Amino acid sequence: MIGTIDAGERCQRHPRSSHSIPEGHEVTGKIYNDITEVVGRTPLVKLGRINETGANIFAKLEFFGPGSSVKDRLGLGIIRAAEQSGELQPGGTIVEGTSGNTGIALAMLGASRGYRVILAMPETMSIERRQLLKAFGAELVLTPGPEGMRGAVARAKQIVDETPGAILARQFENEANVQIHRETTAEEIWADTDGEIDIFVAGVGTGGTISGVGQVLKERKPEVKIVAVEPKDSPLLTEGKAGPHKIQGLGANFVPDVLDRDVIDEVLDATLEDSIRVSRALTSTEGIFSGISSGANLWAALEIAKRPENAGKNIVVIICDTGERYLSTVLFDDLRD
């Protein structure tokens, strides 16, 4: 049964140790060749304290990846596809417009594989994201905040035109984005739930996660409900209106080319206030330190879980990244001295 914990007394002994090793902490002896091999295989955790509904909510903790966000998968998928096609040559340059996490993933993976990485990012993104990008060796170009992601994407295209041998990652239109979630995220969720998933909740940033996972789940279990989350201040999917907002990682202010709207059954619009409240509650009640977009996703999952018809159903929600990316933002405004 999903979420049942019955491993309290079960353990194994490591052949070279007298210590008992609880199930789930087995020593595999695996040594990875580089950081790219660590991407994926993130844990699915049942939420028992913040969830007071009759449904079961399971959090897919994407901050367990090496770059601490769901965008690790996107970055790896895009780089691998570009390498395989021959578009990206050894020592080449990767350029992208990013709100932060995709850039961090590309910078991390680029450092591991020896690529130069140049990133355009709205100046409104958190200082932590800027520092991480520079720490990984990426070159950062800030774009005007009011222009949002459109401005960052436009600047990235200009940089590619000005840089010989550079490629554009194109996260919003690159099918490799969707494919990596079909091959990894969807398969992990299906395996971890034994296929007993009823509802999947994810925010729409590039659209890759919800499209890739949604496609696989719908193919195997058509009755699965796919719920998208977007900022209430930029209700592009529900009302066709784009606007400025402070939920970093969601709502690019345009509909991404890779977004498969056919798999989406419902869209919920999250307010900044609800996103912050739920993110902080997740930290204080479950010990899971997450960012603002994760709060938006979980708010939506809790709203869905409250509905009487969803009692007893299994809901999986994406927790996109760690709260450490947001220490200088509104998420922690009243916690700073």
C-alpha atoms as a PDB file:
ATOM      1  CA  MET A   1       0.000   0.000   0.000  1.00  0.00           C
ATOM      2  CA  ILE A   2       1.312   3.435  -0.897  1.00  0.00           C
ATOM      3  CA  GLY A   3       2.690   5.430   1.990  1.00  0.00           C
ATOM      4  CA  THR A   4       2.549   2.542   4.466  1.00  0.00           C
ATOM      5  CA  ILE A   5       5.630   2.485   6.677  1.00  0.00           C
ATOM      6  CA  ASP A   6       6.303  -1.002   7.949  1.00  0.00           C
ATOM      7  CA  ALA A   7      10.086  -1.098   7.880  1.00  0.00           C
ATOM      8  CA  GLY A   8      10.612  -0.232  11.533  1.00  0.00           C
ATOM      9  CA  GLU A   9      11.950  -3.627  12.525  1.00  0.00           C
ATOM     10  CA  ARG A  10      13.243  -4.752   9.144  1.00  0.00           C
ATOM     11  CA  CYS A  11      16.917  -4.217   8.416  1.00  0.00           C
ATOM     12  CA  GLN A  12      19.910  -5.826   6.812  1.00  0.00           C
ATOM     13  CA  ARG A  13      23.543  -6.161   7.804  1.00  0.00           C
ATOM     14  CA  HIS A  14      26.301  -4.840   5.642  1.00  0.00           C
ATOM     15  CA  PRO A  15      28.722  -7.723   4.934  1.00  0.00           C
ATOM     16  CA  ARG A  16      31.655  -5.732   6.327  1.00  0.00           C
ATOM     17  CA  SER A  17      29.907  -4.204   9.296  1.00  0.00           C
ATOM     18  CA  SER A  18      28.276  -5.366  12.512  1.00  0.00           C
ATOM     19  CA  HIS A  19      25.829  -2.437  12.369  1.00  0.00           C
ATOM     20  CA  SER A  20      22.220  -2.930  11.354  1.00  0.00           C
ATOM     21  CA  ILE A  21      21.187  -0.855   8.346  1.00  0.00           C
ATOM     22  CA  PRO A  22      17.511   0.173   8.254  1.00  0.00           C
ATOM     23  CA  GLU A  23      15.669  -0.665   5.053  1.00  0.00           C
ATOM     24  CA  GLY A  24      15.935   2.219   2.616  1.00  0.00           C
ATOM     25  CA  HIS A  25      19.523   2.952   3.671  1.00  0.00           C
ATOM     26  CA  GLU A  26      21.216  -0.017   2.041  1.00  0.00           C
ATOM     27  CA  VAL A  27      24.816   0.460   0.891  1.00  0.00           C
ATOM     28  CA  THR A  28      24.898   0.065  -2.885  1.00  0.00           C
ATOM     29  CA  GLY A  29      28.618   0.396  -3.499  1.00  0.00           C
ATOM     30  CA  LYS A  30      27.870   2.556  -6.540  1.00  0.00           C
ATOM     31  CA  ILE A  31      30.500   5.062  -7.652  1.00  0.00           C
ATOM     32  CA  TYR A  32      29.377   7.638 -10.220  1.00  0.00           C
ATOM     33  CA  ASN A  33      31.625   8.880 -12.993  1.00  0.00           C
ATOM     34  CA  ASP A  34      30.469  12.491 -12.778  1.00  0.00           C
ATOM     35  CA  ILE A  35      27.693  14.656 -11.331  1.00  0.00           C
ATOM     36  CA  THR A  36      25.447  14.206 -14.368  1.00  0.00           C
ATOM     37  CA  GLU A  37      24.859  10.559 -13.400  1.00  0.00           C
ATOM     38  CA  VAL A  38      23.288  11.658 -10.111  1.00  0.00           C
ATOM     39  CA  VAL A  39      20.411  13.543 -11.758  1.00  0.00           C
ATOM     40  CA  GLY A  40      16.980  12.055 -11.058  1.00  0.00           C
ATOM     41  CA  ARG A  41      15.751   9.267  -8.760  1.00  0.00           C
ATOM     42  CA  THR A  42      14.413  11.777  -6.237  1.00  0.00           C
ATOM     43  CA  PRO A  43      12.319  10.577  -3.270  1.00  0.00           C
ATOM     44  CA  LEU A  44       8.538  10.541  -2.963  1.00  0.00           C
ATOM     45  CA  VAL A  45       7.467  11.428   0.585  1.00  0.00           C
ATOM     46  CA  LYS A  46       4.012  11.115   2.122  1.00  0.00           C
ATOM     47  CA  LEU A  47       2.838  14.307   3.838  1.00  0.00           C
ATOM     48  CA  GLY A  48       1.254  13.388   7.149  1.00  0.00           C
ATOM     49  CA  ARG A  49       1.070  16.598   9.194  1.00  0.00           C
ATOM     50  CA  ILE A  50       0.270  19.434   6.812  1.00  0.00           C
ATOM     51  CA  ASN A  51      -2.389  17.348   5.090  1.00  0.00           C
ATOM     52  CA  GLU A  52      -5.574  17.094   7.161  1.00  0.00           C
ATOM     53  CA  THR A  53      -7.791  15.989   4.286  1.00  0.00           C
ATOM     54  CA  GLY A  54      -9.140  12.571   3.417  1.00  0.00           C
ATOM     55  CA  ALA A  55      -6.784  12.207   0.439  1.00  0.00           C
ATOM     56  CA  ASN A  56      -3.162  11.052   0.424  1.00  0.00           C
ATOM     57  CA  ILE A  57      -0.577  13.600  -0.729  1.00  0.00           C
ATOM     58  CA  PHE A  58       2.908  12.529  -1.805  1.00  0.00           C
ATOM     59  CA  ALA A  59       5.638  15.123  -2.405  1.00  0.00           C
ATOM     60  CA  LYS A  60       8.201  14.509  -5.133  1.00  0.00           C
ATOM     61  CA  LEU A  61      11.260  16.214  -3.633  1.00  0.00           C
ATOM     62  CA  GLU A  62      13.194  17.501  -6.623  1.00  0.00           C
ATOM     63  CA  PHE A  63      15.662  19.451  -4.492  1.00  0.00           C
ATOM     64  CA  PHE A  64      17.391  16.124  -3.771  1.00  0.00           C
ATOM     65  CA  GLY A  65      19.050  16.453  -7.190  1.00  0.00           C
ATOM     66  CA  PRO A  66      22.641  17.721  -7.431  1.00  0.00           C
ATOM     67  CA  GLY A  67      21.524  21.193  -8.532  1.00  0.00           C
ATOM     68  CA  SER A  68      18.712  21.230  -5.955  1.00  0.00           C
ATOM     69  CA  SER A  69      15.836  21.697  -8.388  1.00  0.00           C
ATOM     70  CA  VAL A  70      13.621  19.957 -10.912  1.00  0.00           C
ATOM     71  CA  LYS A  71      15.515  21.786 -13.660  1.00  0.00           C
ATOM     72  CA  ASP A  72      18.473  19.417 -13.293  1.00  0.00           C
ATOM     73  CA  ARG A  73      16.527  16.989 -15.453  1.00  0.00           C
ATOM     74  CA  LEU A  74      15.754  19.597 -18.106  1.00  0.00           C
ATOM     75  CA  GLY A  75      19.391  20.687 -18.284  1.00  0.00           C
ATOM     76  CA  LEU A  76      20.645  17.131 -18.665  1.00  0.00           C
ATOM     77  CA  GLY A  77      18.034  16.284 -21.286  1.00  0.00           C
ATOM     78  CA  ILE A  78      18.819  19.326 -23.407  1.00  0.00           C
ATOM     79  CA  ILE A  79      22.600  18.924 -23.190  1.00  0.00           C
ATOM     80  CA  ARG A  80      22.492  15.214 -24.018  1.00  0.00           C
ATOM     81  CA  ALA A  81      20.227  15.811 -27.006  1.00  0.00           C
ATOM     82  CA  ALA A  82      22.488  18.587 -28.313  1.00  0.00           C
ATOM     83  CA  GLU A  83      25.568  16.382 -27.890  1.00  0.00           C
ATOM     84  CA  GLN A  84      23.942  13.445 -29.645  1.00  0.00           C
ATOM     85  CA  SER A  85      22.791  15.576 -32.576  1.00  0.00           C
ATOM     86  CA  GLY A  86      26.243  17.109 -32.947  1.00  0.00           C
ATOM     87  CA  GLU A  87      24.890  20.605 -32.379  1.00  0.00           C
ATOM     88  CA  LEU A  88      26.954  20.984 -29.209  1.00  0.00           C
ATOM     89  CA  GLN A  89      30.639  20.325 -29.761  1.00  0.00           C
ATOM     90  CA  PRO A  90      33.316  19.712 -27.096  1.00  0.00           C
ATOM     91  CA  GLY A  91      34.265  23.010 -25.455  1.00  0.00           C
ATOM     92  CA  GLY A  92      31.206  24.687 -26.962  1.00  0.00           C
ATOM     93  CA  THR A  93      29.009  27.422 -25.529  1.00  0.00           C
ATOM     94  CA  ILE A  94      25.485  27.058 -24.126  1.00  0.00           C
ATOM     95  CA  VAL A  95      23.250  30.142 -23.948  1.00  0.00           C
ATOM     96  CA  GLU A  96      19.826  30.433 -22.347  1.00  0.00           C
ATOM     97  CA  GLY A  97      17.278  32.843 -20.929  1.00  0.00           C
ATOM     98  CA  THR A  98      16.365  31.707 -17.430  1.00  0.00           C
ATOM     99  CA  SER A  99      14.553  32.678 -14.234  1.00  0.00           C
ATOM    100  CA  GLY A 100      17.323  30.959 -12.299  1.00  0.00           C
ATOM    101  CA  ASN A 101      16.937  27.216 -11.778  1.00  0.00           C
ATOM    102  CA  THR A 102      17.377  26.199 -15.419  1.00  0.00           C
ATOM    103  CA  GLY A 103      20.438  28.401 -15.549  1.00  0.00           C
ATOM    104  CA  ILE A 104      21.843  26.847 -12.391  1.00  0.00           C
ATOM    105  CA  ALA A 105      21.328  23.371 -13.832  1.00  0.00           C
ATOM    106  CA  LEU A 106      22.982  24.309 -17.125  1.00  0.00           C
ATOM    107  CA  ALA A 107      25.857  26.007 -15.307  1.00  0.00           C
ATOM    108  CA  MET A 108      26.419  22.976 -13.058  1.00  0.00           C
ATOM    109  CA  LEU A 109      26.243  20.464 -15.904  1.00  0.00           C
ATOM    110  CA  GLY A 110      28.256  22.729 -18.169  1.00  0.00           C
ATOM    111  CA  ALA A 111      31.026  22.909 -15.575  1.00  0.00           C
ATOM    112  CA  SER A 112      31.016  19.125 -15.316  1.00  0.00           C
ATOM    113  CA  ARG A 113      31.227  18.657 -19.085  1.00  0.00           C
ATOM    114  CA  GLY A 114      33.568  21.542 -19.905  1.00  0.00           C
ATOM    115  CA  TYR A 115      31.180  23.948 -21.639  1.00  0.00           C
ATOM    116  CA  ARG A 116      31.058  27.714 -21.474  1.00  0.00           C
ATOM    117  CA  VAL A 117      27.644  28.866 -20.227  1.00  0.00           C
ATOM    118  CA  ILE A 118      26.133  32.340 -20.767  1.00  0.00           C
ATOM    119  CA  LEU A 119      22.786  33.132 -19.165  1.00  0.00           C
ATOM    120  CA  ALA A 120      20.311  36.009 -19.491  1.00  0.00           C
ATOM    121  CA  MET A 121      18.096  36.465 -16.429  1.00  0.00           C
ATOM    122  CA  PRO A 122      15.554  39.061 -15.268  1.00  0.00           C
ATOM    123  CA  GLU A 123      17.087  41.366 -12.678  1.00  0.00           C
ATOM    124  CA  THR A 124      14.165  40.632 -10.335  1.00  0.00           C
ATOM    125  CA  MET A 125      15.355  37.087  -9.610  1.00  0.00           C
ATOM    126  CA  SER A 126      16.845  36.371  -6.174  1.00  0.00           C
ATOM    127  CA  ILE A 127      20.438  37.237  -5.274  1.00  0.00           C
ATOM    128  CA  GLU A 128      21.036  33.596  -4.272  1.00  0.00           C
ATOM    129  CA  ARG A 129      20.400  32.505  -7.836  1.00  0.00           C
ATOM    130  CA  ARG A 130      22.823  35.059  -9.220  1.00  0.00           C
ATOM    131  CA  GLN A 131      25.528  33.959  -6.783  1.00  0.00           C
ATOM    132  CA  LEU A 132      25.060  30.279  -7.609  1.00  0.00           C
ATOM    133  CA  LEU A 133      25.312  30.927 -11.324  1.00  0.00           C
ATOM    134  CA  LYS A 134      28.569  32.785 -10.879  1.00  0.00           C
ATOM    135  CA  ALA A 135      29.900  30.119  -8.496  1.00  0.00           C
ATOM    136  CA  PHE A 136      29.463  27.507 -11.223  1.00  0.00           C
ATOM    137  CA  GLY A 137      31.410  29.729 -13.605  1.00  0.00           C
ATOM    138  CA  ALA A 138      28.528  30.941 -15.751  1.00  0.00           C
ATOM    139  CA  GLU A 139      28.520  34.384 -17.321  1.00  0.00           C
ATOM    140  CA  LEU A 140      25.407  36.285 -16.247  1.00  0.00           C
ATOM    141  CA  VAL A 141      23.587  38.990 -18.207  1.00  0.00           C
ATOM    142  CA  LEU A 142      20.737  40.717 -16.337  1.00  0.00           C
ATOM    143  CA  THR A 143      17.695  41.956 -18.246  1.00  0.00           C
ATOM    144  CA  PRO A 144      15.037  44.522 -17.212  1.00  0.00           C
ATOM    145  CA  GLY A 145      12.597  43.102 -14.675  1.00  0.00           C
ATOM    146  CA  PRO A 146       9.418  44.441 -16.325  1.00  0.00           C
ATOM    147  CA  GLU A 147      10.293  42.515 -19.496  1.00  0.00           C
ATOM    148  CA  GLY A 148      10.060  39.232 -17.570  1.00  0.00           C
ATOM    149  CA  MET A 149      11.146  36.012 -19.262  1.00  0.00           C
ATOM    150  CA  ARG A 150      10.360  37.408 -22.704  1.00  0.00           C
ATOM    151  CA  GLY A 151      13.158  39.913 -22.230  1.00  0.00           C
ATOM    152  CA  ALA A 152      15.600  37.278 -21.005  1.00  0.00           C
ATOM    153  CA  VAL A 153      14.799  34.931 -23.907  1.00  0.00           C
ATOM    154  CA  ALA A 154      15.172  37.754 -26.441  1.00  0.00           C
ATOM    155  CA  ARG A 155      18.560  38.734 -24.992  1.00  0.00           C
ATOM    156  CA  ALA A 156      19.730  35.107 -25.042  1.00  0.00           C
ATOM    157  CA  LYS A 157      18.923  34.912 -28.762  1.00  0.00           C
ATOM    158  CA  GLN A 158      20.971  38.060 -29.365  1.00  0.00           C
ATOM    159  CA  ILE A 159      23.912  36.556 -27.479  1.00  0.00           C
ATOM    160  CA  VAL A 160      23.812  33.414 -29.625  1.00  0.00           C
ATOM    161  CA  ASP A 161      23.864  35.529 -32.786  1.00  0.00           C
ATOM    162  CA  GLU A 162      26.912  37.361 -31.443  1.00  0.00           C
ATOM    163  CA  THR A 163      28.805  34.257 -30.232  1.00  0.00           C
ATOM    164  CA  PRO A 164      30.351  31.893 -32.814  1.00  0.00           C
ATOM    165  CA  GLY A 165      29.691  28.219 -32.074  1.00  0.00           C
ATOM    166  CA  ALA A 166      27.102  28.922 -29.385  1.00  0.00           C
ATOM    167  CA  ILE A 167      23.826  27.042 -29.110  1.00  0.00           C
ATOM    168  CA  LEU A 168      20.566  28.160 -27.540  1.00  0.00           C
ATOM    169  CA  ALA A 169      19.124  25.679 -25.023  1.00  0.00           C
ATOM    170  CA  ARG A 170      15.539  26.766 -25.888  1.00  0.00           C
ATOM    171  CA  GLN A 171      13.951  25.328 -22.744  1.00  0.00           C
ATOM    172  CA  PHE A 172      10.496  26.639 -23.694  1.00  0.00           C
ATOM    173  CA  GLU A 173      10.429  24.973 -27.109  1.00  0.00           C
ATOM    174  CA  ASN A 174      12.914  22.118 -26.899  1.00  0.00           C
ATOM    175  CA  GLU A 175      11.195  18.712 -26.985  1.00  0.00           C
ATOM    176  CA  ALA A 176      14.153  17.260 -25.065  1.00  0.00           C
ATOM    177  CA  ASN A 177      12.664  19.091 -22.066  1.00  0.00           C
ATOM    178  CA  VAL A 178       9.456  17.044 -22.263  1.00  0.00           C
ATOM    179  CA  GLN A 179      11.245  13.822 -23.190  1.00  0.00           C
ATOM    180  CA  ILE A 180      13.497  13.775 -20.113  1.00  0.00           C
ATOM    181  CA  HIS A 181      10.417  13.964 -17.887  1.00  0.00           C
ATOM    182  CA  ARG A 182       8.778  11.150 -19.833  1.00  0.00           C
ATOM    183  CA  GLU A 183      11.865   8.984 -19.390  1.00  0.00           C
ATOM    184  CA  THR A 184      12.691   9.810 -15.766  1.00  0.00           C
ATOM    185  CA  THR A 185      10.179  11.765 -13.649  1.00  0.00           C
ATOM    186  CA  ALA A 186       7.121   9.931 -14.952  1.00  0.00           C
ATOM    187  CA  GLU A 187       8.759   6.510 -14.638  1.00  0.00           C
ATOM    188  CA  GLU A 188       9.889   7.215 -11.072  1.00  0.00           C
ATOM    189  CA  ILE A 189       6.409   8.345 -10.015  1.00  0.00           C
ATOM    190  CA  TRP A 190       4.758   5.355 -11.673  1.00  0.00           C
ATOM    191  CA  ALA A 191       7.174   2.927 -10.041  1.00  0.00           C
ATOM    192  CA  ASP A 192       7.067   4.524  -6.580  1.00  0.00           C
ATOM    193  CA  THR A 193       3.252   4.530  -6.499  1.00  0.00           C
ATOM    194  CA  ASP A 194       2.925   1.106  -8.153  1.00  0.00           C
ATOM    195  CA  GLY A 195       0.732   2.886 -10.669  1.00  0.00           C
ATOM    196  CA  GLU A 196      -1.755   3.821  -7.948  1.00  0.00           C
ATOM    197  CA  ILE A 197      -1.731   7.520  -8.696  1.00  0.00           C
ATOM    198  CA  ASP A 198      -5.000   9.379  -9.173  1.00  0.00           C
ATOM    199  CA  ILE A 199      -3.994  13.043  -9.442  1.00  0.00           C
ATOM    200  CA  PHE A 200      -0.755  14.760 -10.487  1.00  0.00           C
ATOM    201  CA  VAL A 201      -0.112  18.423  -9.596  1.00  0.00           C
ATOM    202  CA  ALA A 202       2.670  20.566 -11.066  1.00  0.00           C
ATOM    203  CA  GLY A 203       3.288  24.208 -11.814  1.00  0.00           C
ATOM    204  CA  VAL A 204       3.759  25.521 -15.328  1.00  0.00           C
ATOM    205  CA  GLY A 205       7.097  27.201 -15.924  1.00  0.00           C
ATOM    206  CA  THR A 206       8.487  25.799 -19.160  1.00  0.00           C
ATOM    207  CA  GLY A 207       5.691  23.212 -19.244  1.00  0.00           C
ATOM    208  CA  GLY A 208       8.149  20.325 -19.550  1.00  0.00           C
ATOM    209  CA  THR A 209       7.406  18.577 -16.261  1.00  0.00           C
ATOM    210  CA  ILE A 210       3.612  18.585 -16.475  1.00  0.00           C
ATOM    211  CA  SER A 211       3.665  17.683 -20.184  1.00  0.00           C
ATOM    212  CA  GLY A 212       6.128  14.793 -19.958  1.00  0.00           C
ATOM    213  CA  VAL A 213       4.715  13.295 -16.773  1.00  0.00           C
ATOM    214  CA  GLY A 214       1.124  13.960 -17.848  1.00  0.00           C
ATOM    215  CA  GLN A 215       1.580  12.230 -21.186  1.00  0.00           C
ATOM    216  CA  VAL A 216       2.965   9.038 -19.657  1.00  0.00           C
ATOM    217  CA  LEU A 217       0.371   8.875 -16.884  1.00  0.00           C
ATOM    218  CA  LYS A 218      -2.499   9.462 -19.312  1.00  0.00           C
ATOM    219  CA  GLU A 219      -1.171   6.782 -21.665  1.00  0.00           C
ATOM    220  CA  ARG A 220      -1.065   4.198 -18.886  1.00  0.00           C
ATOM    221  CA  LYS A 221      -4.049   5.315 -16.835  1.00  0.00           C
ATOM    222  CA  PRO A 222      -6.377   7.658 -18.763  1.00  0.00           C
ATOM    223  CA  GLU A 223      -8.480   8.463 -15.685  1.00  0.00           C
ATOM    224  CA  VAL A 224      -5.547  10.155 -13.930  1.00  0.00           C
ATOM    225  CA  LYS A 225      -6.239  13.855 -13.428  1.00  0.00           C
ATOM    226  CA  ILE A 226      -3.505  16.349 -14.338  1.00  0.00           C
ATOM    227  CA  VAL A 227      -3.689  19.674 -12.490  1.00  0.00           C
ATOM    228  CA  ALA A 228      -1.600  22.670 -13.565  1.00  0.00           C
ATOM    229  CA  VAL A 229      -0.689  25.613 -11.329  1.00  0.00           C
ATOM    230  CA  GLU A 230       0.019  29.182 -12.410  1.00  0.00           C
ATOM    231  CA  PRO A 231       0.290  32.549 -10.605  1.00  0.00           C
ATOM    232  CA  LYS A 232      -3.015  34.292  -9.961  1.00  0.00           C
ATOM    233  CA  ASP A 233      -1.359  37.571 -10.964  1.00  0.00           C
ATOM    234  CA  SER A 234      -0.564  36.084 -14.373  1.00  0.00           C
ATOM    235  CA  PRO A 235      -3.534  33.829 -15.257  1.00  0.00           C
ATOM    236  CA  LEU A 236      -2.458  33.105 -18.796  1.00  0.00           C
ATOM    237  CA  LEU A 237      -3.945  29.601 -19.012  1.00  0.00           C
ATOM    238  CA  THR A 238      -7.245  30.385 -17.301  1.00  0.00           C
ATOM    239  CA  GLU A 239      -7.914  33.914 -18.529  1.00  0.00           C
ATOM    240  CA  GLY A 240      -5.380  34.565 -21.290  1.00  0.00           C
ATOM    241  CA  LYS A 241      -3.872  37.430 -19.284  1.00  0.00           C
ATOM    242  CA  ALA A 242      -0.168  37.777 -18.520  1.00  0.00           C
ATOM    243  CA  GLY A 243       1.174  40.029 -15.803  1.00  0.00           C
ATOM    244  CA  PRO A 244       4.061  40.604 -13.388  1.00  0.00           C
ATOM    245  CA  HIS A 245       4.206  38.307 -10.373  1.00  0.00           C
ATOM    246  CA  LYS A 246       6.606  37.158  -7.641  1.00  0.00           C
ATOM    247  CA  ILE A 247       6.271  33.373  -7.787  1.00  0.00           C
ATOM    248  CA  GLN A 248       9.695  32.666  -9.249  1.00  0.00           C
ATOM    249  CA  GLY A 249       9.780  29.642 -11.539  1.00  0.00           C
ATOM    250  CA  LEU A 250       6.116  29.740 -12.576  1.00  0.00           C
ATOM    251  CA  GLY A 251       4.301  31.816 -15.183  1.00  0.00           C
ATOM    252  CA  ALA A 252       6.705  32.815 -17.945  1.00  0.00           C
ATOM    253  CA  ASN A 253       4.058  35.330 -19.171  1.00  0.00           C
ATOM    254  CA  PHE A 254       3.661  33.424 -22.436  1.00  0.00           C
ATOM    255  CA  VAL A 255       2.473  29.915 -23.273  1.00  0.00           C
ATOM    256  CA  PRO A 256       5.558  27.732 -23.841  1.00  0.00           C
ATOM    257  CA  ASP A 257       5.707  25.802 -27.112  1.00  0.00           C
ATOM    258  CA  VAL A 258       6.424  22.522 -25.311  1.00  0.00           C
ATOM    259  CA  LEU A 259       3.366  22.760 -23.066  1.00  0.00           C
ATOM    260  CA  ASP A 260       0.911  19.996 -23.950  1.00  0.00           C
ATOM    261  CA  ARG A 261      -2.387  21.564 -22.915  1.00  0.00           C
ATOM    262  CA  ASP A 262      -4.277  18.447 -23.992  1.00  0.00           C
ATOM    263  CA  VAL A 263      -3.076  16.502 -20.942  1.00  0.00           C
ATOM    264  CA  ILE A 264      -4.214  19.182 -18.477  1.00  0.00           C
ATOM    265  CA  ASP A 265      -7.614  18.604 -16.855  1.00  0.00           C
ATOM    266  CA  GLU A 266      -7.682  21.649 -14.588  1.00  0.00           C
ATOM    267  CA  VAL A 267      -5.695  24.810 -13.852  1.00  0.00           C
ATOM    268  CA  LEU A 268      -5.571  26.448 -10.414  1.00  0.00           C
ATOM    269  CA  ASP A 269      -4.305  29.998  -9.910  1.00  0.00           C
ATOM    270  CA  ALA A 270      -2.181  30.431  -6.773  1.00  0.00           C
ATOM    271  CA  THR A 271      -1.758  33.745  -4.975  1.00  0.00           C
ATOM    272  CA  LEU A 272       1.628  34.833  -3.682  1.00  0.00           C
ATOM    273  CA  GLU A 273       0.213  34.902  -0.143  1.00  0.00           C
ATOM    274  CA  ASP A 274      -1.058  31.305  -0.297  1.00  0.00           C
ATOM    275  CA  SER A 275       2.198  30.137  -1.867  1.00  0.00           C
ATOM    276  CA  ILE A 276       4.276  31.696   0.911  1.00  0.00           C
ATOM    277  CA  ARG A 277       1.958  30.459   3.661  1.00  0.00           C
ATOM    278  CA  VAL A 278       1.975  26.860   2.443  1.00  0.00           C
ATOM    279  CA  SER A 279       5.712  26.817   1.715  1.00  0.00           C
ATOM    280  CA  ARG A 280       6.478  27.961   5.249  1.00  0.00           C
ATOM    281  CA  ALA A 281       3.942  25.528   6.717  1.00  0.00           C
ATOM    282  CA  LEU A 282       5.635  22.696   4.811  1.00  0.00           C
ATOM    283  CA  THR A 283       8.902  23.634   6.480  1.00  0.00           C
ATOM    284  CA  SER A 284       7.499  23.967  10.003  1.00  0.00           C
ATOM    285  CA  THR A 285       5.210  20.910   9.952  1.00  0.00           C
ATOM    286  CA  GLU A 286       7.055  18.429   7.739  1.00  0.00           C
ATOM    287  CA  GLY A 287      10.661  19.621   7.903  1.00  0.00           C
ATOM    288  CA  ILE A 288      10.700  20.090   4.119  1.00  0.00           C
ATOM    289  CA  PHE A 289      12.398  23.382   3.200  1.00  0.00           C
ATOM    290  CA  SER A 290      10.948  24.440  -0.127  1.00  0.00           C
ATOM    291  CA  GLY A 291      10.637  27.473  -2.360  1.00  0.00           C
ATOM    292  CA  ILE A 292       7.713  29.686  -3.342  1.00  0.00           C
ATOM    293  CA  SER A 293       6.684  27.748  -6.454  1.00  0.00           C
ATOM    294  CA  SER A 294       6.612  24.558  -4.384  1.00  0.00           C
ATOM    295  CA  GLY A 295       4.260  26.327  -1.988  1.00  0.00           C
ATOM    296  CA  ALA A 296       2.019  27.187  -4.942  1.00  0.00           C
ATOM    297  CA  ASN A 297       1.986  23.572  -6.102  1.00  0.00           C
ATOM    298  CA  LEU A 298       1.231  22.213  -2.640  1.00  0.00           C
ATOM    299  CA  TRP A 299      -1.495  24.806  -2.075  1.00  0.00           C
ATOM    300  CA  ALA A 300      -3.183  23.495  -5.226  1.00  0.00           C
ATOM    301  CA  ALA A 301      -2.742  19.876  -4.112  1.00  0.00           C
ATOM    302  CA  LEU A 302      -4.342  20.664  -0.740  1.00  0.00           C
ATOM    303  CA  GLU A 303      -7.255  22.430  -2.417  1.00  0.00           C
ATOM    304  CA  ILE A 304      -7.824  19.395  -4.644  1.00  0.00           C
ATOM    305  CA  ALA A 305      -7.492  17.062  -1.646  1.00  0.00           C
ATOM    306  CA  LYS A 306     -10.257  18.894   0.235  1.00  0.00           C
ATOM    307  CA  ARG A 307     -12.879  17.935  -2.313  1.00  0.00           C
ATOM    308  CA  PRO A 308     -15.140  15.131  -1.015  1.00  0.00           C
ATOM    309  CA  GLU A 309     -14.861  13.170  -4.257  1.00  0.00           C
ATOM    310  CA  ASN A 310     -11.082  12.891  -3.758  1.00  0.00           C
ATOM    311  CA  ALA A 311     -11.200  11.201  -0.339  1.00  0.00           C
ATOM    312  CA  GLY A 312      -8.845   8.228  -0.313  1.00  0.00           C
ATOM    313  CA  LYS A 313      -7.213   9.208  -3.607  1.00  0.00           C
ATOM    314  CA  ASN A 314      -3.463   9.455  -4.150  1.00  0.00           C
ATOM    315  CA  ILE A 315      -2.128  12.863  -5.170  1.00  0.00           C
ATOM    316  CA  VAL A 316       1.475  13.434  -6.263  1.00  0.00           C
ATOM    317  CA  VAL A 317       2.801  17.000  -6.205  1.00  0.00           C
ATOM    318  CA  ILE A 318       6.114  18.371  -7.467  1.00  0.00           C
ATOM    319  CA  ILE A 319       8.271  20.176  -4.890  1.00  0.00           C
ATOM    320  CA  CYS A 320      10.460  22.075  -7.316  1.00  0.00           C
ATOM    321  CA  ASP A 321      13.406  23.345  -5.301  1.00  0.00           C
ATOM    322  CA  THR A 322      14.808  24.324  -1.921  1.00  0.00           C
ATOM    323  CA  GLY A 323      13.943  27.337   0.209  1.00  0.00           C
ATOM    324  CA  GLU A 324      17.627  28.241   0.288  1.00  0.00           C
ATOM    325  CA  ARG A 325      17.114  29.813  -3.152  1.00  0.00           C
ATOM    326  CA  TYR A 326      14.724  32.351  -1.604  1.00  0.00           C
ATOM    327  CA  LEU A 327      16.341  33.592   1.610  1.00  0.00           C
ATOM    328  CA  SER A 328      16.499  37.170   0.294  1.00  0.00           C
ATOM    329  CA  THR A 329      12.940  37.170  -1.098  1.00  0.00           C
ATOM    330  CA  VAL A 330       9.450  37.877   0.233  1.00  0.00           C
ATOM    331  CA  LEU A 331       9.299  34.269   1.430  1.00  0.00           C
ATOM    332  CA  PHE A 332      11.407  35.250   4.442  1.00  0.00           C
ATOM    333  CA  ASP A 333      10.712  38.971   4.753  1.00  0.00           C
ATOM    334  CA  ASP A 334       9.539  38.837   8.371  1.00  0.00           C
ATOM    335  CA  LEU A 335      12.200  36.352   9.480  1.00  0.00           C
ATOM    336  CA  ARG A 336      15.191  38.563   8.784  1.00  0.00           C
ATOM    337  CA  ASP A 337      16.699  40.627  11.590  1.00  0.00           C
END
